[in-house]
All heavy atoms as atom14 arrays in JSON, in Angstrom:
{
  "sequence": "QGPTIASATIQISAVPLRKAAAQARAWFVAQAANVLAVDAATLRVD",
  "atom14_mask": [
    [1, 1, 1, 1, 1, 1, 1, 1, 1, 0, 0, 0, 0, 0],
    [1, 1, 1, 1, 0, 0, 0, 0, 0, 0, 0, 0, 0, 0],
    [1, 1, 1, 1, 1, 1, 1, 0, 0, 0, 0, 0, 0, 0],
    [1, 1, 1, 1, 1, 1, 1, 0, 0, 0, 0, 0, 0, 0],
    [1, 1, 1, 1, 1, 1, 1, 1, 0, 0, 0, 0, 0, 0],
    [1, 1, 1, 1, 1, 0, 0, 0, 0, 0, 0, 0, 0, 0],
    [1, 1, 1, 1, 1, 1, 0, 0, 0, 0, 0, 0, 0, 0],
    [1, 1, 1, 1, 1, 0, 0, 0, 0, 0, 0, 0, 0, 0],
    [1, 1, 1, 1, 1, 1, 1, 0, 0, 0, 0, 0, 0, 0],
    [1, 1, 1, 1, 1, 1, 1, 1, 0, 0, 0, 0, 0, 0],
    [1, 1, 1, 1, 1, 1, 1, 1, 1, 0, 0, 0, 0, 0],
    [1, 1, 1, 1, 1, 1, 1, 1, 0, 0, 0, 0, 0, 0],
    [1, 1, 1, 1, 1, 1, 0, 0, 0, 0, 0, 0, 0, 0],
    [1, 1, 1, 1, 1, 0, 0, 0, 0, 0, 0, 0, 0, 0],
    [1, 1, 1, 1, 1, 1, 1, 0, 0, 0, 0, 0, 0, 0],
    [1, 1, 1, 1, 1, 1, 1, 0, 0, 0, 0, 0, 0, 0],
    [1, 1, 1, 1, 1, 1, 1, 1, 0, 0, 0, 0, 0, 0],
    [1, 1, 1, 1, 1, 1, 1, 1, 1, 1, 1, 0, 0, 0],
    [1, 1, 1, 1, 1, 1, 1, 1, 1, 0, 0, 0, 0, 0],
    [1, 1, 1, 1, 1, 0, 0, 0, 0, 0, 0, 0, 0, 0],
    [1, 1, 1, 1, 1, 0, 0, 0, 0, 0, 0, 0, 0, 0],
    [1, 1, 1, 1, 1, 0, 0, 0, 0, 0, 0, 0, 0, 0],
    [1, 1, 1, 1, 1, 1, 1, 1, 1, 0, 0, 0, 0, 0],
    [1, 1, 1, 1, 1, 0, 0, 0, 0, 0, 0, 0, 0, 0],
    [1, 1, 1, 1, 1, 1, 1, 1, 1, 1, 1, 0, 0, 0],
    [1, 1, 1, 1, 1, 0, 0, 0, 0, 0, 0, 0, 0, 0],
    [1, 1, 1, 1, 1, 1, 1, 1, 1, 1, 1, 1, 1, 1],
    [1, 1, 1, 1, 1, 1, 1, 1, 1, 1, 1, 0, 0, 0],
    [1, 1, 1, 1, 1, 1, 1, 0, 0, 0, 0, 0, 0, 0],
    [1, 1, 1, 1, 1, 0, 0, 0, 0, 0, 0, 0, 0, 0],
    [1, 1, 1, 1, 1, 1, 1, 1, 1, 0, 0, 0, 0, 0],
    [1, 1, 1, 1, 1, 0, 0, 0, 0, 0, 0, 0, 0, 0],
    [1, 1, 1, 1, 1, 0, 0, 0, 0, 0, 0, 0, 0, 0],
    [1, 1, 1, 1, 1, 1, 1, 1, 0, 0, 0, 0, 0, 0],
    [1, 1, 1, 1, 1, 1, 1, 0, 0, 0, 0, 0, 0, 0],
    [1, 1, 1, 1, 1, 1, 1, 1, 0, 0, 0, 0, 0, 0],
    [1, 1, 1, 1, 1, 0, 0, 0, 0, 0, 0, 0, 0, 0],
    [1, 1, 1, 1, 1, 1, 1, 0, 0, 0, 0, 0, 0, 0],
    [1, 1, 1, 1, 1, 1, 1, 1, 0, 0, 0, 0, 0, 0],
    [1, 1, 1, 1, 1, 0, 0, 0, 0, 0, 0, 0, 0, 0],
    [1, 1, 1, 1, 1, 0, 0, 0, 0, 0, 0, 0, 0, 0],
    [1, 1, 1, 1, 1, 1, 1, 0, 0, 0, 0, 0, 0, 0],
    [1, 1, 1, 1, 1, 1, 1, 1, 0, 0, 0, 0, 0, 0],
    [1, 1, 1, 1, 1, 1, 1, 1, 1, 1, 1, 0, 0, 0],
    [1, 1, 1, 1, 1, 1, 1, 0, 0, 0, 0, 0, 0, 0],
    [1, 1, 1, 1, 1, 1, 1, 1, 0, 0, 0, 0, 0, 0]
  ],
  "atom14_positions": [
    [[-63.85, -107.63, -50.64], [-62.88, -108.48, -51.34], [-62.79, -109.86, -50.71], [-61.81, -110.58, -50.89], [-61.52, -107.79, -51.36], [-61.53, -106.5, -52.17], [-60.2, -105.77, -52.16], [-59.8, -105.2, -51.14], [-59.51, -105.76, -53.29], [0.0, 0.0, 0.0], [0.0, 0.0, 0.0], [0.0, 0.0, 0.0], [0.0, 0.0, 0.0], [0.0, 0.0, 0.0]],
    [[-63.87, -110.23, -50.0], [-63.93, -111.57, -49.44], [-63.12, -111.71, -48.17], [-62.5, -110.76, -47.67], [0.0, 0.0, 0.0], [0.0, 0.0, 0.0], [0.0, 0.0, 0.0], [0.0, 0.0, 0.0], [0.0, 0.0, 0.0], [0.0, 0.0, 0.0], [0.0, 0.0, 0.0], [0.0, 0.0, 0.0], [0.0, 0.0, 0.0], [0.0, 0.0, 0.0]],
    [[-63.08, -112.93, -47.61], [-62.36, -113.15, -46.35], [-60.85, -113.1, -46.54], [-60.33, -113.32, -47.63], [-62.81, -114.57, -45.95], [-63.14, -115.23, -47.26], [-63.73, -114.15, -48.11], [0.0, 0.0, 0.0], [0.0, 0.0, 0.0], [0.0, 0.0, 0.0], [0.0, 0.0, 0.0], [0.0, 0.0, 0.0], [0.0, 0.0, 0.0], [0.0, 0.0, 0.0]],
    [[-60.16, -112.81, -45.44], [-58.7, -112.76, -45.46], [-58.18, -114.17, -45.27], [-57.89, -114.61, -44.16], [-58.19, -111.82, -44.36], [-58.87, -110.57, -44.48], [-56.69, -111.59, -44.48], [0.0, 0.0, 0.0], [0.0, 0.0, 0.0], [0.0, 0.0, 0.0], [0.0, 0.0, 0.0], [0.0, 0.0, 0.0], [0.0, 0.0, 0.0], [0.0, 0.0, 0.0]],
    [[-58.1, -114.89, -46.37], [-57.66, -116.28, -46.35], [-56.79, -116.55, -47.57], [-56.68, -115.73, -48.48], [-58.85, -117.27, -46.34], [-59.75, -117.04, -47.56], [-59.63, -117.16, -45.04], [-60.88, -118.06, -47.68], [0.0, 0.0, 0.0], [0.0, 0.0, 0.0], [0.0, 0.0, 0.0], [0.0, 0.0, 0.0], [0.0, 0.0, 0.0], [0.0, 0.0, 0.0]],
    [[-56.16, -117.72, -47.56], [-55.46, -118.27, -48.72], [-54.26, -117.44, -49.15], [-53.87, -117.46, -50.32], [-56.43, -118.45, -49.9], [0.0, 0.0, 0.0], [0.0, 0.0, 0.0], [0.0, 0.0, 0.0], [0.0, 0.0, 0.0], [0.0, 0.0, 0.0], [0.0, 0.0, 0.0], [0.0, 0.0, 0.0], [0.0, 0.0, 0.0], [0.0, 0.0, 0.0]],
    [[-53.64, -116.71, -48.22], [-52.44, -115.94, -48.54], [-52.63, -115.04, -49.75], [-51.72, -114.82, -50.55], [-51.26, -116.9, -48.82], [-50.98, -117.69, -47.7], [0.0, 0.0, 0.0], [0.0, 0.0, 0.0], [0.0, 0.0, 0.0], [0.0, 0.0, 0.0], [0.0, 0.0, 0.0], [0.0, 0.0, 0.0], [0.0, 0.0, 0.0], [0.0, 0.0, 0.0]],
    [[-53.84, -114.49, -49.9], [-54.2, -113.81, -51.14], [-54.15, -112.29, -51.07], [-54.46, -111.64, -52.06], [-55.6, -114.26, -51.56], [0.0, 0.0, 0.0], [0.0, 0.0, 0.0], [0.0, 0.0, 0.0], [0.0, 0.0, 0.0], [0.0, 0.0, 0.0], [0.0, 0.0, 0.0], [0.0, 0.0, 0.0], [0.0, 0.0, 0.0], [0.0, 0.0, 0.0]],
    [[-53.76, -111.7, -49.96], [-53.86, -110.24, -49.83], [-52.92, -109.52, -50.79], [-53.36, -108.73, -51.63], [-53.58, -109.81, -48.39], [-54.52, -110.46, -47.52], [-53.74, -108.3, -48.24], [0.0, 0.0, 0.0], [0.0, 0.0, 0.0], [0.0, 0.0, 0.0], [0.0, 0.0, 0.0], [0.0, 0.0, 0.0], [0.0, 0.0, 0.0], [0.0, 0.0, 0.0]],
    [[-51.63, -109.77, -50.68], [-50.67, -109.07, -51.55], [-50.77, -109.61, -52.98], [-50.69, -108.86, -53.95], [-49.24, -109.22, -51.01], [-49.14, -108.62, -49.6], [-48.24, -108.56, -51.95], [-49.45, -107.15, -49.52], [0.0, 0.0, 0.0], [0.0, 0.0, 0.0], [0.0, 0.0, 0.0], [0.0, 0.0, 0.0], [0.0, 0.0, 0.0], [0.0, 0.0, 0.0]],
    [[-50.97, -110.91, -53.09], [-50.98, -111.54, -54.41], [-52.19, -111.13, -55.25], [-52.09, -110.97, -56.46], [-50.95, -113.06, -54.24], [-50.8, -113.84, -55.54], [-50.75, -115.35, -55.3], [-51.01, -115.81, -54.18], [-50.4, -116.1, -56.31], [0.0, 0.0, 0.0], [0.0, 0.0, 0.0], [0.0, 0.0, 0.0], [0.0, 0.0, 0.0], [0.0, 0.0, 0.0]],
    [[-53.36, -110.92, -54.59], [-54.6, -110.72, -55.35], [-55.31, -109.42, -54.97], [-55.53, -108.55, -55.81], [-55.54, -111.93, -55.15], [-54.86, -113.2, -55.67], [-56.88, -111.7, -55.85], [-55.6, -114.47, -55.33], [0.0, 0.0, 0.0], [0.0, 0.0, 0.0], [0.0, 0.0, 0.0], [0.0, 0.0, 0.0], [0.0, 0.0, 0.0], [0.0, 0.0, 0.0]],
    [[-55.68, -109.28, -53.7], [-56.54, -108.15, -53.33], [-55.81, -106.81, -53.39], [-56.44, -105.76, -53.44], [-57.16, -108.37, -51.95], [-56.23, -108.07, -50.92], [0.0, 0.0, 0.0], [0.0, 0.0, 0.0], [0.0, 0.0, 0.0], [0.0, 0.0, 0.0], [0.0, 0.0, 0.0], [0.0, 0.0, 0.0], [0.0, 0.0, 0.0], [0.0, 0.0, 0.0]],
    [[-54.47, -106.83, -53.41], [-53.73, -105.58, -53.5], [-53.63, -105.07, -54.94], [-53.22, -103.92, -55.15], [-52.32, -105.76, -52.94], [0.0, 0.0, 0.0], [0.0, 0.0, 0.0], [0.0, 0.0, 0.0], [0.0, 0.0, 0.0], [0.0, 0.0, 0.0], [0.0, 0.0, 0.0], [0.0, 0.0, 0.0], [0.0, 0.0, 0.0], [0.0, 0.0, 0.0]],
    [[-54.0, -105.88, -55.92], [-53.84, -105.48, -57.32], [-54.66, -104.23, -57.66], [-54.11, -103.26, -58.21], [-54.18, -106.65, -58.26], [-54.22, -106.18, -59.72], [-53.17, -107.78, -58.09], [0.0, 0.0, 0.0], [0.0, 0.0, 0.0], [0.0, 0.0, 0.0], [0.0, 0.0, 0.0], [0.0, 0.0, 0.0], [0.0, 0.0, 0.0], [0.0, 0.0, 0.0]],
    [[-55.96, -104.19, -57.35], [-56.7, -102.95, -57.66], [-56.2, -101.75, -56.86], [-56.25, -100.62, -57.35], [-58.15, -103.29, -57.31], [-58.08, -104.48, -56.42], [-56.86, -105.24, -56.84], [0.0, 0.0, 0.0], [0.0, 0.0, 0.0], [0.0, 0.0, 0.0], [0.0, 0.0, 0.0], [0.0, 0.0, 0.0], [0.0, 0.0, 0.0], [0.0, 0.0, 0.0]],
    [[-55.72, -101.98, -55.66], [-55.17, -100.88, -54.86], [-53.93, -100.29, -55.53], [-53.77, -99.07, -55.62], [-54.82, -101.4, -53.46], [-54.42, -100.38, -52.4], [-55.57, -99.46, -52.09], [-53.94, -101.09, -51.15], [0.0, 0.0, 0.0], [0.0, 0.0, 0.0], [0.0, 0.0, 0.0], [0.0, 0.0, 0.0], [0.0, 0.0, 0.0], [0.0, 0.0, 0.0]],
    [[-53.08, -101.16, -56.03], [-51.87, -100.69, -56.72], [-52.25, -99.91, -57.98], [-51.7, -98.85, -58.26], [-51.0, -101.89, -57.07], [-49.69, -101.52, -57.74], [-48.9, -102.75, -58.16], [-47.63, -102.38, -58.77], [-46.88, -103.22, -59.48], [-47.28, -104.47, -59.67], [-45.74, -102.82, -60.01], [0.0, 0.0, 0.0], [0.0, 0.0, 0.0], [0.0, 0.0, 0.0]],
    [[-53.2, -100.44, -58.74], [-53.64, -99.74, -59.95], [-54.25, -98.38, -59.61], [-54.02, -97.39, -60.32], [-54.65, -100.59, -60.71], [-54.07, -101.82, -61.38], [-55.14, -102.57, -62.15], [-54.58, -103.77, -62.89], [-55.62, -104.5, -63.65], [0.0, 0.0, 0.0], [0.0, 0.0, 0.0], [0.0, 0.0, 0.0], [0.0, 0.0, 0.0], [0.0, 0.0, 0.0]],
    [[-55.02, -98.34, -58.55], [-55.66, -97.09, -58.16], [-54.62, -96.03, -57.81], [-54.76, -94.85, -58.19], [-56.6, -97.32, -56.98], [0.0, 0.0, 0.0], [0.0, 0.0, 0.0], [0.0, 0.0, 0.0], [0.0, 0.0, 0.0], [0.0, 0.0, 0.0], [0.0, 0.0, 0.0], [0.0, 0.0, 0.0], [0.0, 0.0, 0.0], [0.0, 0.0, 0.0]],
    [[-53.57, -96.42, -57.09], [-52.53, -95.46, -56.72], [-51.79, -94.98, -57.96], [-51.48, -93.78, -58.09], [-51.56, -96.1, -55.73], [0.0, 0.0, 0.0], [0.0, 0.0, 0.0], [0.0, 0.0, 0.0], [0.0, 0.0, 0.0], [0.0, 0.0, 0.0], [0.0, 0.0, 0.0], [0.0, 0.0, 0.0], [0.0, 0.0, 0.0], [0.0, 0.0, 0.0]],
    [[-51.49, -95.89, -58.88], [-50.81, -95.49, -60.11], [-51.69, -94.58, -60.96], [-51.21, -93.61, -61.57], [-50.41, -96.73, -60.9], [0.0, 0.0, 0.0], [0.0, 0.0, 0.0], [0.0, 0.0, 0.0], [0.0, 0.0, 0.0], [0.0, 0.0, 0.0], [0.0, 0.0, 0.0], [0.0, 0.0, 0.0], [0.0, 0.0, 0.0], [0.0, 0.0, 0.0]],
    [[-52.98, -94.88, -60.99], [-53.9, -94.05, -61.76], [-54.01, -92.65, -61.16], [-54.08, -91.65, -61.88], [-55.27, -94.73, -61.81], [-56.25, -94.1, -62.78], [-57.53, -94.92, -62.89], [-57.6, -96.07, -62.45], [-58.56, -94.33, -63.49], [0.0, 0.0, 0.0], [0.0, 0.0, 0.0], [0.0, 0.0, 0.0], [0.0, 0.0, 0.0], [0.0, 0.0, 0.0]],
    [[-54.0, -92.57, -59.84], [-54.04, -91.27, -59.17], [-52.8, -90.45, -59.51], [-52.87, -89.25, -59.8], [-54.17, -91.46, -57.66], [0.0, 0.0, 0.0], [0.0, 0.0, 0.0], [0.0, 0.0, 0.0], [0.0, 0.0, 0.0], [0.0, 0.0, 0.0], [0.0, 0.0, 0.0], [0.0, 0.0, 0.0], [0.0, 0.0, 0.0], [0.0, 0.0, 0.0]],
    [[-51.64, -91.09, -59.47], [-50.4, -90.37, -59.82], [-50.46, -89.85, -61.26], [-50.08, -88.69, -61.53], [-49.2, -91.3, -59.66], [-47.87, -90.64, -60.0], [-46.75, -91.68, -60.09], [-45.45, -91.05, -60.3], [-44.98, -90.65, -61.48], [-45.74, -90.78, -62.58], [-43.78, -90.1, -61.58], [0.0, 0.0, 0.0], [0.0, 0.0, 0.0], [0.0, 0.0, 0.0]],
    [[-50.94, -90.68, -62.17], [-51.02, -90.26, -63.57], [-51.93, -89.04, -63.73], [-51.65, -88.13, -64.52], [-51.51, -91.42, -64.44], [0.0, 0.0, 0.0], [0.0, 0.0, 0.0], [0.0, 0.0, 0.0], [0.0, 0.0, 0.0], [0.0, 0.0, 0.0], [0.0, 0.0, 0.0], [0.0, 0.0, 0.0], [0.0, 0.0, 0.0], [0.0, 0.0, 0.0]],
    [[-53.01, -89.01, -62.96], [-53.92, -87.87, -63.03], [-53.23, -86.6, -62.55], [-53.32, -85.54, -63.19], [-55.17, -88.14, -62.18], [-56.19, -87.04, -62.23], [-57.19, -86.87, -63.14], [-56.31, -85.94, -61.3], [-57.93, -85.74, -62.85], [-57.41, -85.15, -61.73], [-55.6, -85.55, -60.17], [-57.81, -84.01, -61.06], [-56.01, -84.4, -59.5], [-57.09, -83.64, -59.94]],
    [[-52.51, -86.69, -61.44], [-51.81, -85.52, -60.91], [-50.76, -85.02, -61.91], [-50.61, -83.82, -62.13], [-51.14, -85.85, -59.58], [-52.06, -85.81, -58.4], [-52.35, -86.95, -57.68], [-52.65, -84.61, -58.01], [-53.2, -86.91, -56.59], [-53.5, -84.56, -56.91], [-53.78, -85.72, -56.21], [0.0, 0.0, 0.0], [0.0, 0.0, 0.0], [0.0, 0.0, 0.0]],
    [[-50.03, -85.96, -62.5], [-49.0, -85.56, -63.46], [-49.63, -84.87, -64.67], [-49.1, -83.87, -65.18], [-48.16, -86.78, -63.87], [-47.25, -86.45, -65.04], [-47.34, -87.28, -62.69], [0.0, 0.0, 0.0], [0.0, 0.0, 0.0], [0.0, 0.0, 0.0], [0.0, 0.0, 0.0], [0.0, 0.0, 0.0], [0.0, 0.0, 0.0], [0.0, 0.0, 0.0]],
    [[-50.77, -85.41, -65.13], [-51.45, -84.78, -66.27], [-51.92, -83.38, -65.93], [-51.8, -82.44, -66.75], [-52.63, -85.65, -66.71], [0.0, 0.0, 0.0], [0.0, 0.0, 0.0], [0.0, 0.0, 0.0], [0.0, 0.0, 0.0], [0.0, 0.0, 0.0], [0.0, 0.0, 0.0], [0.0, 0.0, 0.0], [0.0, 0.0, 0.0], [0.0, 0.0, 0.0]],
    [[-52.45, -83.19, -64.71], [-52.88, -81.85, -64.3], [-51.69, -80.9, -64.22], [-51.76, -79.74, -64.65], [-53.59, -81.92, -62.93], [-54.81, -82.81, -62.88], [-55.86, -82.43, -63.89], [-56.3, -81.28, -63.97], [-56.26, -83.4, -64.71], [0.0, 0.0, 0.0], [0.0, 0.0, 0.0], [0.0, 0.0, 0.0], [0.0, 0.0, 0.0], [0.0, 0.0, 0.0]],
    [[-50.59, -81.4, -63.68], [-49.4, -80.56, -63.54], [-48.84, -80.18, -64.91], [-48.36, -79.05, -65.1], [-48.34, -81.29, -62.72], [0.0, 0.0, 0.0], [0.0, 0.0, 0.0], [0.0, 0.0, 0.0], [0.0, 0.0, 0.0], [0.0, 0.0, 0.0], [0.0, 0.0, 0.0], [0.0, 0.0, 0.0], [0.0, 0.0, 0.0], [0.0, 0.0, 0.0]],
    [[-48.88, -81.12, -65.85], [-48.38, -80.83, -67.19], [-49.15, -79.68, -67.82], [-48.58, -78.81, -68.5], [-48.46, -82.08, -68.06], [0.0, 0.0, 0.0], [0.0, 0.0, 0.0], [0.0, 0.0, 0.0], [0.0, 0.0, 0.0], [0.0, 0.0, 0.0], [0.0, 0.0, 0.0], [0.0, 0.0, 0.0], [0.0, 0.0, 0.0], [0.0, 0.0, 0.0]],
    [[-50.45, -79.63, -67.58], [-51.26, -78.53, -68.11], [-50.9, -77.21, -67.45], [-50.78, -76.17, -68.11], [-52.75, -78.83, -67.9], [-53.25, -79.93, -68.82], [-52.7, -80.14, -69.9], [-54.29, -80.62, -68.4], [0.0, 0.0, 0.0], [0.0, 0.0, 0.0], [0.0, 0.0, 0.0], [0.0, 0.0, 0.0], [0.0, 0.0, 0.0], [0.0, 0.0, 0.0]],
    [[-50.73, -77.24, -66.15], [-50.41, -76.01, -65.41], [-49.03, -75.49, -65.79], [-48.82, -74.29, -66.01], [-50.5, -76.26, -63.9], [-50.02, -75.03, -63.13], [-51.93, -76.6, -63.5], [0.0, 0.0, 0.0], [0.0, 0.0, 0.0], [0.0, 0.0, 0.0], [0.0, 0.0, 0.0], [0.0, 0.0, 0.0], [0.0, 0.0, 0.0], [0.0, 0.0, 0.0]],
    [[-48.06, -76.41, -65.89], [-46.68, -76.01, -66.16], [-46.37, -75.9, -67.64], [-45.28, -75.47, -68.02], [-45.72, -77.02, -65.51], [-45.85, -77.19, -63.99], [-44.94, -78.29, -63.49], [-45.54, -75.88, -63.27], [0.0, 0.0, 0.0], [0.0, 0.0, 0.0], [0.0, 0.0, 0.0], [0.0, 0.0, 0.0], [0.0, 0.0, 0.0], [0.0, 0.0, 0.0]],
    [[-47.34, -76.32, -68.47], [-47.17, -76.24, -69.93], [-45.94, -77.01, -70.4], [-45.1, -76.51, -71.16], [-47.12, -74.79, -70.38], [0.0, 0.0, 0.0], [0.0, 0.0, 0.0], [0.0, 0.0, 0.0], [0.0, 0.0, 0.0], [0.0, 0.0, 0.0], [0.0, 0.0, 0.0], [0.0, 0.0, 0.0], [0.0, 0.0, 0.0], [0.0, 0.0, 0.0]],
    [[-45.82, -78.25, -69.91], [-44.71, -79.12, -70.33], [-45.27, -80.49, -70.67], [-46.43, -80.81, -70.38], [-43.65, -79.24, -69.22], [-43.02, -77.9, -68.91], [-44.25, -79.85, -67.95], [0.0, 0.0, 0.0], [0.0, 0.0, 0.0], [0.0, 0.0, 0.0], [0.0, 0.0, 0.0], [0.0, 0.0, 0.0], [0.0, 0.0, 0.0], [0.0, 0.0, 0.0]],
    [[-44.43, -81.31, -71.26], [-44.79, -82.68, -71.57], [-44.83, -83.49, -70.27], [-43.86, -83.46, -69.48], [-43.77, -83.27, -72.54], [-44.12, -84.68, -73.0], [-45.08, -85.26, -72.45], [-43.42, -85.2, -73.88], [0.0, 0.0, 0.0], [0.0, 0.0, 0.0], [0.0, 0.0, 0.0], [0.0, 0.0, 0.0], [0.0, 0.0, 0.0], [0.0, 0.0, 0.0]],
    [[-45.92, -84.2, -70.07], [-46.06, -84.98, -68.83], [-44.93, -85.98, -68.66], [-44.52, -86.29, -67.53], [-47.41, -85.7, -68.81], [0.0, 0.0, 0.0], [0.0, 0.0, 0.0], [0.0, 0.0, 0.0], [0.0, 0.0, 0.0], [0.0, 0.0, 0.0], [0.0, 0.0, 0.0], [0.0, 0.0, 0.0], [0.0, 0.0, 0.0], [0.0, 0.0, 0.0]],
    [[-44.4, -86.5, -69.75], [-43.34, -87.51, -69.66], [-42.05, -86.96, -69.08], [-41.18, -87.71, -68.63], [-43.08, -88.11, -71.04], [0.0, 0.0, 0.0], [0.0, 0.0, 0.0], [0.0, 0.0, 0.0], [0.0, 0.0, 0.0], [0.0, 0.0, 0.0], [0.0, 0.0, 0.0], [0.0, 0.0, 0.0], [0.0, 0.0, 0.0], [0.0, 0.0, 0.0]],
    [[-41.9, -85.63, -69.07], [-40.66, -85.02, -68.56], [-40.73, -84.72, -67.07], [-39.73, -84.29, -66.49], [-40.37, -83.71, -69.31], [-41.4, -82.75, -69.0], [-40.33, -83.95, -70.8], [0.0, 0.0, 0.0], [0.0, 0.0, 0.0], [0.0, 0.0, 0.0], [0.0, 0.0, 0.0], [0.0, 0.0, 0.0], [0.0, 0.0, 0.0], [0.0, 0.0, 0.0]],
    [[-41.88, -84.93, -66.46], [-42.06, -84.58, -65.05], [-41.62, -85.71, -64.13], [-41.75, -86.89, -64.47], [-43.53, -84.23, -64.78], [-44.07, -83.0, -65.51], [-45.57, -82.86, -65.28], [-43.33, -81.73, -65.07], [0.0, 0.0, 0.0], [0.0, 0.0, 0.0], [0.0, 0.0, 0.0], [0.0, 0.0, 0.0], [0.0, 0.0, 0.0], [0.0, 0.0, 0.0]],
    [[-41.12, -85.32, -62.99], [-40.79, -86.31, -61.96], [-41.49, -85.91, -60.65], [-41.78, -84.73, -60.43], [-39.28, -86.44, -61.75], [-38.58, -85.16, -61.33], [-37.07, -85.34, -61.31], [-36.38, -84.14, -60.91], [-36.09, -83.84, -59.65], [-36.46, -84.65, -58.66], [-35.44, -82.71, -59.36], [0.0, 0.0, 0.0], [0.0, 0.0, 0.0], [0.0, 0.0, 0.0]],
    [[-41.72, -86.91, -59.81], [-42.5, -86.69, -58.59], [-41.71, -87.19, -57.38], [-41.13, -88.3, -57.41], [-43.86, -87.41, -58.66], [-44.7, -87.06, -57.42], [-44.61, -87.06, -59.93], [0.0, 0.0, 0.0], [0.0, 0.0, 0.0], [0.0, 0.0, 0.0], [0.0, 0.0, 0.0], [0.0, 0.0, 0.0], [0.0, 0.0, 0.0], [0.0, 0.0, 0.0]],
    [[-41.7, -86.41, -56.33], [-41.06, -86.81, -55.07], [-41.95, -86.35, -53.93], [-42.11, -85.15, -53.7], [-39.67, -86.18, -54.96], [-38.95, -86.61, -53.69], [-39.38, -87.59, -53.06], [-37.96, -85.95, -53.32], [0.0, 0.0, 0.0], [0.0, 0.0, 0.0], [0.0, 0.0, 0.0], [0.0, 0.0, 0.0], [0.0, 0.0, 0.0], [0.0, 0.0, 0.0]]
  ]
}
């Protein structure tokens, strides 16, 4: 992701990291919805 310059870490290089974490959570919730036989939108995670 290039050199650590220009105050760009949180503003720019963290964007794909944030998306990746959100995508991982969505995958887990979808798997859980199948196992628990419920609507994924009704699930909460802690």
